[in-house]
C-alpha atoms as a PDB file:
ATOM      1  CA  MET A   1      -3.268 -16.098  -9.955  1.00  0.00           C
ATOM      2  CA  GLN A   2      -0.908 -18.439  -8.154  1.00  0.00           C
ATOM      3  CA  ILE A   3       0.074 -15.957  -5.475  1.00  0.00           C
ATOM      4  CA  PRO A   4       0.209 -17.120  -1.846  1.00  0.00           C
ATOM      5  CA  LEU A   5      -1.973 -15.670   0.881  1.00  0.00           C
ATOM      6  CA  THR A   6      -0.278 -12.646   2.417  1.00  0.00           C
ATOM      7  CA  MET A   7      -2.324 -12.133   5.593  1.00  0.00           C
ATOM      8  CA  LYS A   8      -4.826 -14.187   7.607  1.00  0.00           C
ATOM      9  CA  LEU A   9      -6.342 -14.092  11.086  1.00  0.00           C
ATOM     10  CA  ASP A  10      -6.106 -17.249  13.188  1.00  0.00           C
ATOM     11  CA  ASP A  11      -8.758 -16.279  15.700  1.00  0.00           C
ATOM     12  CA  GLU A  12      -8.602 -19.589  17.547  1.00  0.00           C
ATOM     13  CA  LYS A  13      -4.991 -18.899  18.550  1.00  0.00           C
ATOM     14  CA  GLY A  14      -5.291 -15.132  18.655  1.00  0.00           C
ATOM     15  CA  GLU A  15      -2.643 -14.584  15.973  1.00  0.00           C
ATOM     16  CA  LEU A  16      -2.262 -12.647  12.746  1.00  0.00           C
ATOM     17  CA  ILE A  17      -0.423 -14.732  10.164  1.00  0.00           C
ATOM     18  CA  ILE A  18       1.557 -12.689   7.644  1.00  0.00           C
ATOM     19  CA  LEU A  19       3.878 -13.505   4.765  1.00  0.00           C
ATOM     20  CA  ASP A  20       7.180 -11.854   5.685  1.00  0.00           C
ATOM     21  CA  GLN A  21       7.776  -9.672   2.628  1.00  0.00           C
ATOM     22  CA  SER A  22      11.265  -8.771   3.797  1.00  0.00           C
ATOM     23  CA  MET A  23      12.334 -12.342   2.941  1.00  0.00           C
ATOM     24  CA  LEU A  24      10.947 -12.437  -0.603  1.00  0.00           C
ATOM     25  CA  PRO A  25      11.691 -13.593  -3.223  1.00  0.00           C
ATOM     26  CA  ASN A  26      14.224 -16.025  -1.786  1.00  0.00           C
ATOM     27  CA  GLU A  27      12.156 -17.426   1.054  1.00  0.00           C
ATOM     28  CA  MET A  28       8.439 -17.705   1.753  1.00  0.00           C
ATOM     29  CA  LYS A  29       8.271 -17.361   5.516  1.00  0.00           C
ATOM     30  CA  TYR A  30       5.086 -16.901   7.507  1.00  0.00           C
ATOM     31  CA  LEU A  31       5.080 -15.144  10.861  1.00  0.00           C
ATOM     32  CA  ARG A  32       2.523 -15.555  13.637  1.00  0.00           C
ATOM     33  CA  LEU A  33       2.001 -12.273  15.461  1.00  0.00           C
ATOM     34  CA  SER A  34      -0.120 -11.867  18.567  1.00  0.00           C
ATOM     35  CA  GLY A  35       1.124  -8.774  20.405  1.00  0.00           C
ATOM     36  CA  THR A  36       0.861  -5.097  19.545  1.00  0.00           C
ATOM     37  CA  GLU A  37       4.643  -4.698  19.522  1.00  0.00           C
ATOM     38  CA  GLU A  38       5.052  -7.613  17.128  1.00  0.00           C
ATOM     39  CA  ILE A  39       2.538  -6.154  14.697  1.00  0.00           C
ATOM     40  CA  TRP A  40       4.036  -2.664  15.092  1.00  0.00           C
ATOM     41  CA  GLU A  41       7.477  -4.094  14.270  1.00  0.00           C
ATOM     42  CA  ALA A  42       6.122  -5.972  11.238  1.00  0.00           C
ATOM     43  CA  ILE A  43       4.628  -2.776   9.809  1.00  0.00           C
ATOM     44  CA  GLN A  44       7.601  -0.577  10.656  1.00  0.00           C
ATOM     45  CA  THR A  45      10.157  -2.971   9.150  1.00  0.00           C
ATOM     46  CA  LEU A  46       8.038  -3.605   6.035  1.00  0.00           C
ATOM     47  CA  ARG A  47       7.390  -7.261   6.785  1.00  0.00           C
ATOM     48  CA  VAL A  48       3.868  -6.208   5.900  1.00  0.00           C
ATOM     49  CA  ARG A  49       3.668  -3.176   3.609  1.00  0.00           C
ATOM     50  CA  GLY A  50       1.502  -1.365   1.105  1.00  0.00           C
ATOM     51  CA  ALA A  51      -1.024   1.213   2.269  1.00  0.00           C
ATOM     52  CA  PRO A  52      -4.147  -1.012   2.239  1.00  0.00           C
ATOM     53  CA  ALA A  53      -2.316  -3.968   3.807  1.00  0.00           C
ATOM     54  CA  ILE A  54      -0.900  -1.725   6.540  1.00  0.00           C
ATOM     55  CA  GLY A  55      -4.419  -0.613   7.400  1.00  0.00           C
ATOM     56  CA  ILE A  56      -5.695  -4.187   7.515  1.00  0.00           C
ATOM     57  CA  ALA A  57      -2.815  -5.323   9.739  1.00  0.00           C
ATOM     58  CA  ALA A  58      -3.360  -2.393  12.105  1.00  0.00           C
ATOM     59  CA  ALA A  59      -7.083  -3.159  12.346  1.00  0.00           C
ATOM     60  CA  TYR A  60      -6.385  -6.751  13.293  1.00  0.00           C
ATOM     61  CA  GLY A  61      -3.666  -5.576  15.671  1.00  0.00           C
ATOM     62  CA  ALA A  62      -6.112  -3.341  17.548  1.00  0.00           C
ATOM     63  CA  TYR A  63      -8.598  -6.201  17.778  1.00  0.00           C
ATOM     64  CA  LEU A  64      -6.020  -8.729  18.964  1.00  0.00           C
ATOM     65  CA  ALA A  65      -4.796  -6.369  21.667  1.00  0.00           C
ATOM     66  CA  VAL A  66      -8.214  -6.531  23.320  1.00  0.00           C
ATOM     67  CA  ARG A  67      -8.931 -10.145  22.463  1.00  0.00           C
ATOM     68  CA  ASN A  68      -5.668 -11.498  23.843  1.00  0.00           C
ATOM     69  CA  ALA A  69      -5.646  -9.361  26.989  1.00  0.00           C
ATOM     70  CA  GLN A  70      -9.013 -10.836  28.023  1.00  0.00           C
ATOM     71  CA  PRO A  71     -10.051  -7.766  30.026  1.00  0.00           C
ATOM     72  CA  SER A  72     -12.646  -8.311  32.724  1.00  0.00           C
ATOM     73  CA  THR A  73     -14.291  -4.898  32.433  1.00  0.00           C
ATOM     74  CA  MET A  74     -15.355  -2.601  29.629  1.00  0.00           C
ATOM     75  CA  GLU A  75     -13.119   0.121  31.059  1.00  0.00           C
ATOM     76  CA  ASP A  76     -10.078  -2.147  30.771  1.00  0.00           C
ATOM     77  CA  ALA A  77     -11.045  -3.122  27.229  1.00  0.00           C
ATOM     78  CA  ILE A  78     -11.269   0.528  26.165  1.00  0.00           C
ATOM     79  CA  ARG A  79      -7.944   1.360  27.792  1.00  0.00           C
ATOM     80  CA  ILE A  80      -6.186  -1.592  26.120  1.00  0.00           C
ATOM     81  CA  PHE A  81      -7.643  -0.704  22.734  1.00  0.00           C
ATOM     82  CA  MET A  82      -6.628   2.954  22.962  1.00  0.00           C
ATOM     83  CA  GLU A  83      -3.076   2.050  24.012  1.00  0.00           C
ATOM     84  CA  ALA A  84      -2.737  -0.346  21.085  1.00  0.00           C
ATOM     85  CA  ARG A  85      -4.255   2.189  18.700  1.00  0.00           C
ATOM     86  CA  ALA A  86      -1.817   4.886  19.786  1.00  0.00           C
ATOM     87  CA  ARG A  87       1.171   2.578  19.387  1.00  0.00           C
ATOM     88  CA  LEU A  88       0.184   1.199  15.985  1.00  0.00           C
ATOM     89  CA  ALA A  89      -0.404   4.730  14.689  1.00  0.00           C
ATOM     90  CA  THR A  90       3.311   5.475  15.102  1.00  0.00           C
ATOM     91  CA  SER A  91       4.485   2.638  12.833  1.00  0.00           C
ATOM     92  CA  ARG A  92       4.355   4.467   9.441  1.00  0.00           C
ATOM     93  CA  PRO A  93       3.482   8.188   9.273  1.00  0.00           C
ATOM     94  CA  THR A  94       2.804   8.651   5.555  1.00  0.00           C
ATOM     95  CA  ALA A  95       0.220   5.959   4.730  1.00  0.00           C
ATOM     96  CA  VAL A  96      -3.173   7.479   5.503  1.00  0.00           C
ATOM     97  CA  ASN A  97      -4.863   4.059   5.336  1.00  0.00           C
ATOM     98  CA  LEU A  98      -3.209   3.233   8.646  1.00  0.00           C
ATOM     99  CA  PHE A  99      -5.018   6.066  10.407  1.00  0.00           C
ATOM    100  CA  TRP A 100      -8.230   5.514   8.446  1.00  0.00           C
ATOM    101  CA  ALA A 101      -8.406   1.875   9.560  1.00  0.00           C
ATOM    102  CA  LEU A 102      -7.613   2.701  13.187  1.00  0.00           C
ATOM    103  CA  ASP A 103     -10.221   5.480  13.189  1.00  0.00           C
ATOM    104  CA  ARG A 104     -12.778   3.056  11.796  1.00  0.00           C
ATOM    105  CA  MET A 105     -11.948   0.506  14.493  1.00  0.00           C
ATOM    106  CA  GLN A 106     -12.286   3.171  17.175  1.00  0.00           C
ATOM    107  CA  LYS A 107     -15.713   4.183  15.871  1.00  0.00           C
ATOM    108  CA  ARG A 108     -16.768   0.525  16.064  1.00  0.00           C
ATOM    109  CA  LEU A 109     -15.425   0.415  19.616  1.00  0.00           C
ATOM    110  CA  GLU A 110     -17.418   3.499  20.577  1.00  0.00           C
ATOM    111  CA  LYS A 111     -20.524   2.034  19.012  1.00  0.00           C
ATOM    112  CA  GLY A 112     -19.954  -1.248  20.843  1.00  0.00           C
ATOM    113  CA  ILE A 113     -19.425   0.220  24.297  1.00  0.00           C
ATOM    114  CA  SER A 114     -23.129  -0.262  24.884  1.00  0.00           C
ATOM    115  CA  GLN A 115     -22.702  -3.998  24.302  1.00  0.00           C
ATOM    116  CA  SER A 116     -23.605  -6.086  27.328  1.00  0.00           C
ATOM    117  CA  SER A 117     -20.232  -7.822  27.561  1.00  0.00           C
ATOM    118  CA  VAL A 118     -16.557  -7.483  26.696  1.00  0.00           C
ATOM    119  CA  GLN A 119     -16.858 -10.671  24.642  1.00  0.00           C
ATOM    120  CA  ARG A 120     -19.496  -9.106  22.403  1.00  0.00           C
ATOM    121  CA  LEU A 121     -17.315  -6.024  22.034  1.00  0.00           C
ATOM    122  CA  CYS A 122     -14.414  -8.213  20.911  1.00  0.00           C
ATOM    123  CA  THR A 123     -16.687  -9.913  18.386  1.00  0.00           C
ATOM    124  CA  ALA A 124     -17.706  -6.525  17.008  1.00  0.00           C
ATOM    125  CA  LEU A 125     -14.059  -5.456  16.649  1.00  0.00           C
ATOM    126  CA  ARG A 126     -13.147  -8.667  14.851  1.00  0.00           C
ATOM    127  CA  GLU A 127     -16.096  -8.258  12.482  1.00  0.00           C
ATOM    128  CA  GLU A 128     -14.990  -4.700  11.696  1.00  0.00           C
ATOM    129  CA  ALA A 129     -11.424  -5.801  10.923  1.00  0.00           C
ATOM    130  CA  ASP A 130     -12.795  -8.611   8.740  1.00  0.00           C
ATOM    131  CA  ALA A 131     -14.998  -6.100   6.929  1.00  0.00           C
ATOM    132  CA  ILE A 132     -12.033  -3.814   6.226  1.00  0.00           C
ATOM    133  CA  ARG A 133     -10.163  -6.752   4.675  1.00  0.00           C
ATOM    134  CA  LYS A 134     -13.111  -8.008   2.599  1.00  0.00           C
ATOM    135  CA  GLU A 135     -14.045  -4.530   1.387  1.00  0.00           C
ATOM    136  CA  ASP A 136     -10.465  -3.924   0.303  1.00  0.00           C
ATOM    137  CA  ALA A 137     -10.646  -6.915  -2.059  1.00  0.00           C
ATOM    138  CA  GLN A 138     -13.846  -5.540  -3.609  1.00  0.00           C
ATOM    139  CA  VAL A 139     -12.359  -2.053  -3.872  1.00  0.00           C
ATOM    140  CA  CYS A 140      -9.222  -3.333  -5.606  1.00  0.00           C
ATOM    141  CA  ARG A 141     -11.296  -5.292  -8.122  1.00  0.00           C
ATOM    142  CA  CYS A 142     -13.282  -2.142  -8.953  1.00  0.00           C
ATOM    143  CA  ILE A 143     -10.078  -0.087  -9.335  1.00  0.00           C
ATOM    144  CA  GLY A 144      -8.791  -2.713 -11.737  1.00  0.00           C
ATOM    145  CA  GLU A 145     -11.953  -2.632 -13.845  1.00  0.00           C
ATOM    146  CA  TYR A 146     -11.943   1.164 -14.132  1.00  0.00           C
ATOM    147  CA  SER A 147      -8.224   1.248 -14.918  1.00  0.00           C
ATOM    148  CA  LEU A 148      -8.524  -1.434 -17.582  1.00  0.00           C
ATOM    149  CA  GLU A 149     -10.890   0.858 -19.498  1.00  0.00           C
ATOM    150  CA  LEU A 150      -7.974   3.300 -19.903  1.00  0.00           C
ATOM    151  CA  LEU A 151      -5.602   0.733 -21.396  1.00  0.00           C
ATOM    152  CA  GLU A 152      -5.323  -1.027 -24.744  1.00  0.00           C
ATOM    153  CA  ARG A 153      -4.333  -4.562 -25.612  1.00  0.00           C
ATOM    154  CA  GLY A 154      -0.636  -5.157 -26.072  1.00  0.00           C
ATOM    155  CA  TRP A 155       0.449  -1.978 -24.309  1.00  0.00           C
ATOM    156  CA  GLY A 156       3.742  -1.643 -22.501  1.00  0.00           C
ATOM    157  CA  LEU A 157       3.122  -0.610 -18.877  1.00  0.00           C
ATOM    158  CA  LEU A 158       5.649   0.754 -16.416  1.00  0.00           C
ATOM    159  CA  THR A 159       5.107   0.387 -12.672  1.00  0.00           C
ATOM    160  CA  HIS A 160       7.060   1.428  -9.589  1.00  0.00           C
ATOM    161  CA  CYS A 161       7.404  -0.111  -6.132  1.00  0.00           C
ATOM    162  CA  ASN A 162       4.766  -2.759  -5.358  1.00  0.00           C
ATOM    163  CA  ALA A 163       1.052  -2.025  -5.597  1.00  0.00           C
ATOM    164  CA  GLY A 164      -0.127  -5.571  -6.139  1.00  0.00           C
ATOM    165  CA  VAL A 165      -1.539  -8.479  -4.191  1.00  0.00           C
ATOM    166  CA  LEU A 166       1.240  -8.240  -1.617  1.00  0.00           C
ATOM    167  CA  ALA A 167       0.250  -4.657  -0.791  1.00  0.00           C
ATOM    168  CA  THR A 168      -3.480  -5.339  -0.424  1.00  0.00           C
ATOM    169  CA  SER A 169      -5.896  -8.147   0.395  1.00  0.00           C
ATOM    170  CA  GLU A 170      -6.356  -9.139  -3.256  1.00  0.00           C
ATOM    171  CA  TYR A 171      -5.639  -7.916  -6.826  1.00  0.00           C
ATOM    172  CA  GLY A 172      -3.687  -4.831  -5.746  1.00  0.00           C
ATOM    173  CA  THR A 173      -4.272  -1.262  -6.874  1.00  0.00           C
ATOM    174  CA  ALA A 174      -1.923  -0.348  -9.742  1.00  0.00           C
ATOM    175  CA  LEU A 175      -1.434  -4.026 -10.610  1.00  0.00           C
ATOM    176  CA  ALA A 176      -5.159  -4.868 -10.542  1.00  0.00           C
ATOM    177  CA  PRO A 177      -5.725  -3.963 -14.229  1.00  0.00           C
ATOM    178  CA  ILE A 178      -2.681  -6.019 -15.151  1.00  0.00           C
ATOM    179  CA  TYR A 179      -4.107  -9.110 -13.446  1.00  0.00           C
ATOM    180  CA  LEU A 180      -7.549  -8.572 -14.948  1.00  0.00           C
ATOM    181  CA  GLY A 181      -5.959  -8.006 -18.360  1.00  0.00           C
ATOM    182  CA  GLN A 182      -3.888 -11.164 -17.981  1.00  0.00           C
ATOM    183  CA  ASN A 183      -7.042 -13.189 -17.372  1.00  0.00           C
ATOM    184  CA  ARG A 184      -8.707 -11.623 -20.431  1.00  0.00           C
ATOM    185  CA  GLY A 185      -5.843 -11.994 -22.884  1.00  0.00           C
ATOM    186  CA  TYR A 186      -4.761  -8.347 -23.115  1.00  0.00           C
ATOM    187  CA  GLY A 187      -1.110  -9.317 -23.535  1.00  0.00           C
ATOM    188  CA  PHE A 188       0.366  -6.464 -21.516  1.00  0.00           C
ATOM    189  CA  ARG A 189       4.157  -6.120 -21.382  1.00  0.00           C
ATOM    190  CA  VAL A 190       5.092  -4.852 -17.937  1.00  0.00           C
ATOM    191  CA  PHE A 191       8.307  -3.078 -16.971  1.00  0.00           C
ATOM    192  CA  ALA A 192       8.975  -3.095 -13.237  1.00  0.00           C
ATOM    193  CA  ASP A 193      11.349  -0.530 -11.741  1.00  0.00           C
ATOM    194  CA  GLU A 194      13.561  -2.186  -9.140  1.00  0.00           C
ATOM    195  CA  THR A 195      12.627   0.704  -6.774  1.00  0.00           C
ATOM    196  CA  ARG A 196      15.679   1.570  -4.736  1.00  0.00           C
ATOM    197  CA  PRO A 197      16.717   1.448  -2.001  1.00  0.00           C
ATOM    198  CA  LEU A 198      14.463  -1.380  -0.725  1.00  0.00           C
ATOM    199  CA  LEU A 199      13.892  -2.986  -4.139  1.00  0.00           C
ATOM    200  CA  GLN A 200      10.161  -3.593  -3.775  1.00  0.00           C
ATOM    201  CA  GLY A 201       9.871  -3.700  -7.552  1.00  0.00           C
ATOM    202  CA  ALA A 202      12.637  -6.254  -8.003  1.00  0.00           C
ATOM    203  CA  ARG A 203      11.839  -8.393  -4.973  1.00  0.00           C
ATOM    204  CA  LEU A 204       8.048  -8.171  -4.880  1.00  0.00           C
ATOM    205  CA  THR A 205       6.419  -6.849  -8.073  1.00  0.00           C
ATOM    206  CA  ALA A 206       8.573  -8.906 -10.439  1.00  0.00           C
ATOM    207  CA  TRP A 207       8.041 -11.961  -8.232  1.00  0.00           C
ATOM    208  CA  GLU A 208       4.252 -11.758  -7.970  1.00  0.00           C
ATOM    209  CA  LEU A 209       3.784 -10.918 -11.655  1.00  0.00           C
ATOM    210  CA  MET A 210       5.902 -13.912 -12.614  1.00  0.00           C
ATOM    211  CA  GLN A 211       3.806 -16.090 -10.290  1.00  0.00           C
ATOM    212  CA  ALA A 212       0.759 -14.983 -12.298  1.00  0.00           C
ATOM    213  CA  GLY A 213       2.408 -15.617 -15.679  1.00  0.00           C
ATOM    214  CA  VAL A 214       2.582 -11.938 -16.668  1.00  0.00           C
ATOM    215  CA  ASP A 215       5.205 -10.818 -19.207  1.00  0.00           C
ATOM    216  CA  VAL A 216       7.392  -8.718 -16.877  1.00  0.00           C
ATOM    217  CA  THR A 217      10.820  -7.168 -17.447  1.00  0.00           C
ATOM    218  CA  LEU A 218      12.853  -5.820 -14.537  1.00  0.00           C
ATOM    219  CA  ILE A 219      14.732  -2.548 -15.083  1.00  0.00           C
ATOM    220  CA  CYS A 220      16.870  -0.296 -12.937  1.00  0.00           C
ATOM    221  CA  ASP A 221      15.153   2.886 -11.793  1.00  0.00           C
ATOM    222  CA  ASN A 222      17.422   5.026 -13.976  1.00  0.00           C
ATOM    223  CA  MET A 223      16.451   3.124 -17.144  1.00  0.00           C
ATOM    224  CA  ALA A 224      12.882   4.449 -17.282  1.00  0.00           C
ATOM    225  CA  ALA A 225      13.732   7.415 -19.510  1.00  0.00           C
ATOM    226  CA  SER A 226      15.457   5.199 -22.037  1.00  0.00           C
ATOM    227  CA  ILE A 227      12.573   2.773 -22.462  1.00  0.00           C
ATOM    228  CA  MET A 228      10.076   5.641 -22.712  1.00  0.00           C
ATOM    229  CA  LYS A 229      12.207   7.217 -25.430  1.00  0.00           C
ATOM    230  CA  LYS A 230      12.208   3.902 -27.304  1.00  0.00           C
ATOM    231  CA  GLY A 231       8.405   3.938 -27.268  1.00  0.00           C
ATOM    232  CA  TRP A 232       8.133   0.782 -25.174  1.00  0.00           C
ATOM    233  CA  VAL A 233       5.859   2.354 -22.545  1.00  0.00           C
ATOM    234  CA  GLN A 234       2.293   3.467 -23.300  1.00  0.00           C
ATOM    235  CA  ALA A 235       1.221   4.153 -19.696  1.00  0.00           C
ATOM    236  CA  VAL A 236       2.687   4.431 -16.195  1.00  0.00           C
ATOM    237  CA  LEU A 237       0.656   2.785 -13.422  1.00  0.00           C
ATOM    238  CA  VAL A 238       1.441   3.533  -9.765  1.00  0.00           C
ATOM    239  CA  GLY A 239      -0.267   3.235  -6.415  1.00  0.00           C
ATOM    240  CA  CYS A 240      -0.018   5.768  -3.614  1.00  0.00           C
ATOM    241  CA  ASP A 241      -0.024   6.192   0.148  1.00  0.00           C
ATOM    242  CA  ARG A 242      -1.824   9.524   0.465  1.00  0.00           C
ATOM    243  CA  ILE A 243      -3.666  11.908  -1.841  1.00  0.00           C
ATOM    244  CA  ALA A 244      -4.083  15.531  -0.778  1.00  0.00           C
ATOM    245  CA  ALA A 245      -7.275  17.473  -1.456  1.00  0.00           C
ATOM    246  CA  ASN A 246      -5.671  19.227  -4.441  1.00  0.00           C
ATOM    247  CA  GLY A 247      -4.544  15.960  -6.070  1.00  0.00           C
ATOM    248  CA  ASP A 248      -0.894  16.000  -4.964  1.00  0.00           C
ATOM    249  CA  THR A 249       0.078  12.388  -4.330  1.00  0.00           C
ATOM    250  CA  ALA A 250       2.617  10.763  -2.013  1.00  0.00           C
ATOM    251  CA  ASN A 251       4.048   7.472  -3.204  1.00  0.00           C
ATOM    252  CA  LYS A 252       7.298   5.515  -2.993  1.00  0.00           C
ATOM    253  CA  ILE A 253      10.402   7.602  -3.595  1.00  0.00           C
ATOM    254  CA  GLY A 254      11.109   7.851  -7.320  1.00  0.00           C
ATOM    255  CA  THR A 255       7.485   8.272  -8.367  1.00  0.00           C
ATOM    256  CA  LEU A 256       7.923  12.014  -8.905  1.00  0.00           C
ATOM    257  CA  GLY A 257      10.779  11.398 -11.322  1.00  0.00           C
ATOM    258  CA  LEU A 258       8.650   8.966 -13.338  1.00  0.00           C
ATOM    259  CA  ALA A 259       5.820  11.498 -13.526  1.00  0.00           C
ATOM    260  CA  ILE A 260       8.203  14.148 -14.865  1.00  0.00           C
ATOM    261  CA  LEU A 261       9.562  11.708 -17.460  1.00  0.00           C
ATOM    262  CA  ALA A 262       6.059  10.643 -18.472  1.00  0.00           C
ATOM    263  CA  ALA A 263       5.045  14.275 -18.997  1.00  0.00           C
ATOM    264  CA  HIS A 264       8.143  14.879 -21.137  1.00  0.00           C
ATOM    265  CA  PHE A 265       7.513  11.861 -23.362  1.00  0.00           C
ATOM    266  CA  GLY A 266       3.715  12.269 -23.516  1.00  0.00           C
ATOM    267  CA  VAL A 267       2.986   9.047 -21.638  1.00  0.00           C
ATOM    268  CA  PRO A 268      -0.182   9.011 -19.477  1.00  0.00           C
ATOM    269  CA  PHE A 269       0.523   8.751 -15.759  1.00  0.00           C
ATOM    270  CA  TYR A 270      -2.204   7.012 -13.747  1.00  0.00           C
ATOM    271  CA  VAL A 271      -2.395   6.887  -9.948  1.00  0.00           C
ATOM    272  CA  HIS A 272      -4.472   4.069  -8.404  1.00  0.00           C
ATOM    273  CA  ALA A 273      -5.911   4.315  -4.903  1.00  0.00           C
ATOM    274  CA  PRO A 274      -8.973   3.501  -2.816  1.00  0.00           C
ATOM    275  CA  ARG A 275     -10.915   6.472  -1.503  1.00  0.00           C
ATOM    276  CA  SER A 276      -9.546   5.671   1.975  1.00  0.00           C
ATOM    277  CA  THR A 277      -6.210   6.999   0.677  1.00  0.00           C
ATOM    278  CA  ILE A 278      -7.690  10.430  -0.096  1.00  0.00           C
ATOM    279  CA  ASP A 279      -7.092  12.869   2.755  1.00  0.00           C
ATOM    280  CA  MET A 280      -9.429  15.815   2.324  1.00  0.00           C
ATOM    281  CA  ASN A 281      -8.044  17.344   5.523  1.00  0.00           C
ATOM    282  CA  CYS A 282      -4.647  17.683   3.831  1.00  0.00           C
ATOM    283  CA  ALA A 283      -4.805  20.701   1.520  1.00  0.00           C
ATOM    284  CA  THR A 284      -1.677  20.040  -0.557  1.00  0.00           C
ATOM    285  CA  GLY A 285       1.284  17.707  -0.760  1.00  0.00           C
ATOM    286  CA  LEU A 286       3.328  20.179   1.283  1.00  0.00           C
ATOM    287  CA  GLU A 287       1.391  19.034   4.354  1.00  0.00           C
ATOM    288  CA  ILE A 288       2.139  15.323   3.913  1.00  0.00           C
ATOM    289  CA  GLU A 289       4.622  14.003   6.452  1.00  0.00           C
ATOM    290  CA  ILE A 290       7.356  12.104   4.619  1.00  0.00           C
ATOM    291  CA  GLU A 291       8.896   9.208   6.506  1.00  0.00           C
ATOM    292  CA  GLU A 292      12.694   9.199   6.547  1.00  0.00           C
ATOM    293  CA  ARG A 293      14.310   5.832   7.080  1.00  0.00           C
ATOM    294  CA  ALA A 294      17.694   4.619   8.279  1.00  0.00           C
ATOM    295  CA  ALA A 295      20.843   5.389   6.291  1.00  0.00           C
ATOM    296  CA  GLU A 296      21.798   1.699   6.409  1.00  0.00           C
ATOM    297  CA  GLU A 297      19.138   0.960   3.783  1.00  0.00           C
ATOM    298  CA  ILE A 298      21.330   2.849   1.301  1.00  0.00           C
ATOM    299  CA  THR A 299      24.833   2.127   2.533  1.00  0.00           C
ATOM    300  CA  THR A 300      24.879  -1.501   3.644  1.00  0.00           C
ATOM    301  CA  LYS A 301      21.557  -3.375   3.500  1.00  0.00           C
ATOM    302  CA  TRP A 302      21.937  -5.336   0.265  1.00  0.00           C
ATOM    303  CA  TYR A 303      25.717  -5.658   0.234  1.00  0.00           C
ATOM    304  CA  GLU A 304      28.114  -8.237   1.635  1.00  0.00           C
ATOM    305  CA  LYS A 305      30.448  -5.328   2.367  1.00  0.00           C
ATOM    306  CA  PRO A 306      29.503  -1.643   2.813  1.00  0.00           C
ATOM    307  CA  MET A 307      29.230   0.103  -0.538  1.00  0.00           C
ATOM    308  CA  ALA A 308      29.650   3.635   0.792  1.00  0.00           C
ATOM    309  CA  PRO A 309      32.464   5.266   2.778  1.00  0.00           C
ATOM    310  CA  GLU A 310      32.064   4.865   6.521  1.00  0.00           C
ATOM    311  CA  GLY A 311      30.461   7.881   8.141  1.00  0.00           C
ATOM    312  CA  VAL A 312      29.049   9.400   4.939  1.00  0.00           C
ATOM    313  CA  LYS A 313      25.842  11.389   5.402  1.00  0.00           C
ATOM    314  CA  ALA A 314      22.764   9.847   3.795  1.00  0.00           C
ATOM    315  CA  PHE A 315      19.310  11.170   2.951  1.00  0.00           C
ATOM    316  CA  ASN A 316      16.716   8.396   2.743  1.00  0.00           C
ATOM    317  CA  PRO A 317      13.085   9.569   2.413  1.00  0.00           C
ATOM    318  CA  ALA A 318      10.687   6.682   1.849  1.00  0.00           C
ATOM    319  CA  PHE A 319       8.294   8.738  -0.298  1.00  0.00           C
ATOM    320  CA  ASP A 320       8.079  11.745  -2.569  1.00  0.00           C
ATOM    321  CA  VAL A 321       5.120  13.901  -3.624  1.00  0.00           C
ATOM    322  CA  THR A 322       3.983  14.065  -7.236  1.00  0.00           C
ATOM    323  CA  ASP A 323       2.351  17.359  -8.158  1.00  0.00           C
ATOM    324  CA  ALA A 324      -1.248  17.127  -9.291  1.00  0.00           C
ATOM    325  CA  GLU A 325      -0.525  18.712 -12.673  1.00  0.00           C
ATOM    326  CA  LEU A 326       1.710  15.752 -13.564  1.00  0.00           C
ATOM    327  CA  ILE A 327      -1.067  13.197 -12.956  1.00  0.00           C
ATOM    328  CA  THR A 328      -3.218  12.256 -15.950  1.00  0.00           C
ATOM    329  CA  ALA A 329      -5.929  10.681 -13.800  1.00  0.00           C
ATOM    330  CA  ILE A 330      -6.551   9.093 -10.401  1.00  0.00           C
ATOM    331  CA  VAL A 331      -8.352   5.744 -10.505  1.00  0.00           C
ATOM    332  CA  THR A 332     -10.557   4.892  -7.500  1.00  0.00           C
ATOM    333  CA  GLU A 333     -13.184   2.254  -6.766  1.00  0.00           C
ATOM    334  CA  LYS A 334     -15.842   4.832  -7.659  1.00  0.00           C
ATOM    335  CA  GLY A 335     -14.408   5.795 -11.002  1.00  0.00           C
ATOM    336  CA  VAL A 336     -11.685   7.773 -12.772  1.00  0.00           C
ATOM    337  CA  VAL A 337     -10.982  11.252 -11.402  1.00  0.00           C
ATOM    338  CA  ARG A 338      -9.400  13.979 -13.509  1.00  0.00           C
ATOM    339  CA  ALA A 339      -8.349  17.595 -13.023  1.00  0.00           C
ATOM    340  CA  PRO A 340      -9.368  19.931 -11.546  1.00  0.00           C
ATOM    341  CA  TYR A 341      -8.787  17.582  -8.619  1.00  0.00           C
ATOM    342  CA  LYS A 342     -10.038  19.967  -5.948  1.00  0.00           C
ATOM    343  CA  ASP A 343     -13.487  19.604  -7.449  1.00  0.00           C
ATOM    344  CA  SER A 344     -13.404  15.998  -8.666  1.00  0.00           C
ATOM    345  CA  LEU A 345     -11.942  14.569  -5.455  1.00  0.00           C
ATOM    346  CA  ARG A 346     -14.474  16.451  -3.345  1.00  0.00           C
ATOM    347  CA  ALA A 347     -17.268  15.108  -5.518  1.00  0.00           C
ATOM    348  CA  ILE A 348     -16.103  11.495  -5.350  1.00  0.00           C
ATOM    349  CA  MET A 349     -15.677  11.658  -1.565  1.00  0.00           C
ATOM    350  CA  GLN A 350     -19.304  12.705  -1.233  1.00  0.00           C
END
C-alpha cells in the first residue's frame, strides 16, 4: 500500500505529527502538535479522525501533556495528566475508543505512581501509548482476515465514510479486507459513498483506495439504492464508533439508511470494529450520545457561495444508530459475531 503515514510521535521534540485529513485529497500537510489544546482541536475539527485513530491521538496527547510540562513532583505530574485527560475527553463524545484509550492511560498512570521518579512515569506513559498504537495495527489485520472469509472474489463492495488506514494505525477496519484482498488478487470492485456533509468517502476513502490501486468508484450517498438494485453490490462494509451491548451500532450519519437498503435488497451488512469499540455499559443505541456539529458544515463549508438561504435552521448529527436486527454480523479481532448480540458480544468480551 502506498499510503502515507498518518500519525507519528517525535519524542525528541515532544510533538505528535499528524497528517491533516481536513486538507486531503488536495494537499498532504503534516502538523506538529505538542500541547493539549492543539491535539484537542485536531480531534474536534477532524484533522485526525476515525475511532481508533482518535484514541491513539488522545493517548499520545495525555502523555505529551506530562512529558512537555516537565513536572518536578509526582503530585504535579498526576494533576497535569488528569487535566489533560479531562480536556481531551470532551473532543468527540460518540467515539468510545477515545474514552477507552484515556482510561487505559490513566490505569497505567495509577500503576506507575509507585515509580521512583517522574521521568520513569513519563516513560511508562509513552510505552502505553505506543502499545495502543501497535496493538491497533495487529487488531486491524485480524479484523481484515476474519472479514475476508465472508467475502468472495470479484464481489462488489459498498462502504461509507472512511474506515481505512487514515482512521487507524494501519489497514483500517472496514477497509482491511479490501486491502488484504487487493494483495491476494481478489479483484474487489469498491463503491465509496461520498458521505455528506463532510465527504469522508469522497475525500479520504476514494483517495486512499486509489493510492493502493484498488478498483474504486465514487457515488453520491443517494445512489446506493440504485446500484444495489442493479446487483452491483454483494456486501456492505462499514466501521463504527460505538457498539451497544445489544448490538445497536453508532456510525457516521447515513449508515442506518444503508442498512435499511441492504435489508430490502438482501445484501449482507457487515460492521467492523475492535473490541475496544464495544461498550457493554451501554445497554442499547438509545443511550449513545450523538454528536451534533455546526450548521455551516451543511450550508457553506464546501461552497464558494452559501448554498442555503441565510438563517435557515439546520440539523447536523455526525452519527446515526443502526438497529442490531439490520446487522448481518459484527467483525472483531476475535472473530465474527452474530445475533443474538446480547449473548455473542458478552461472550467475545470475556
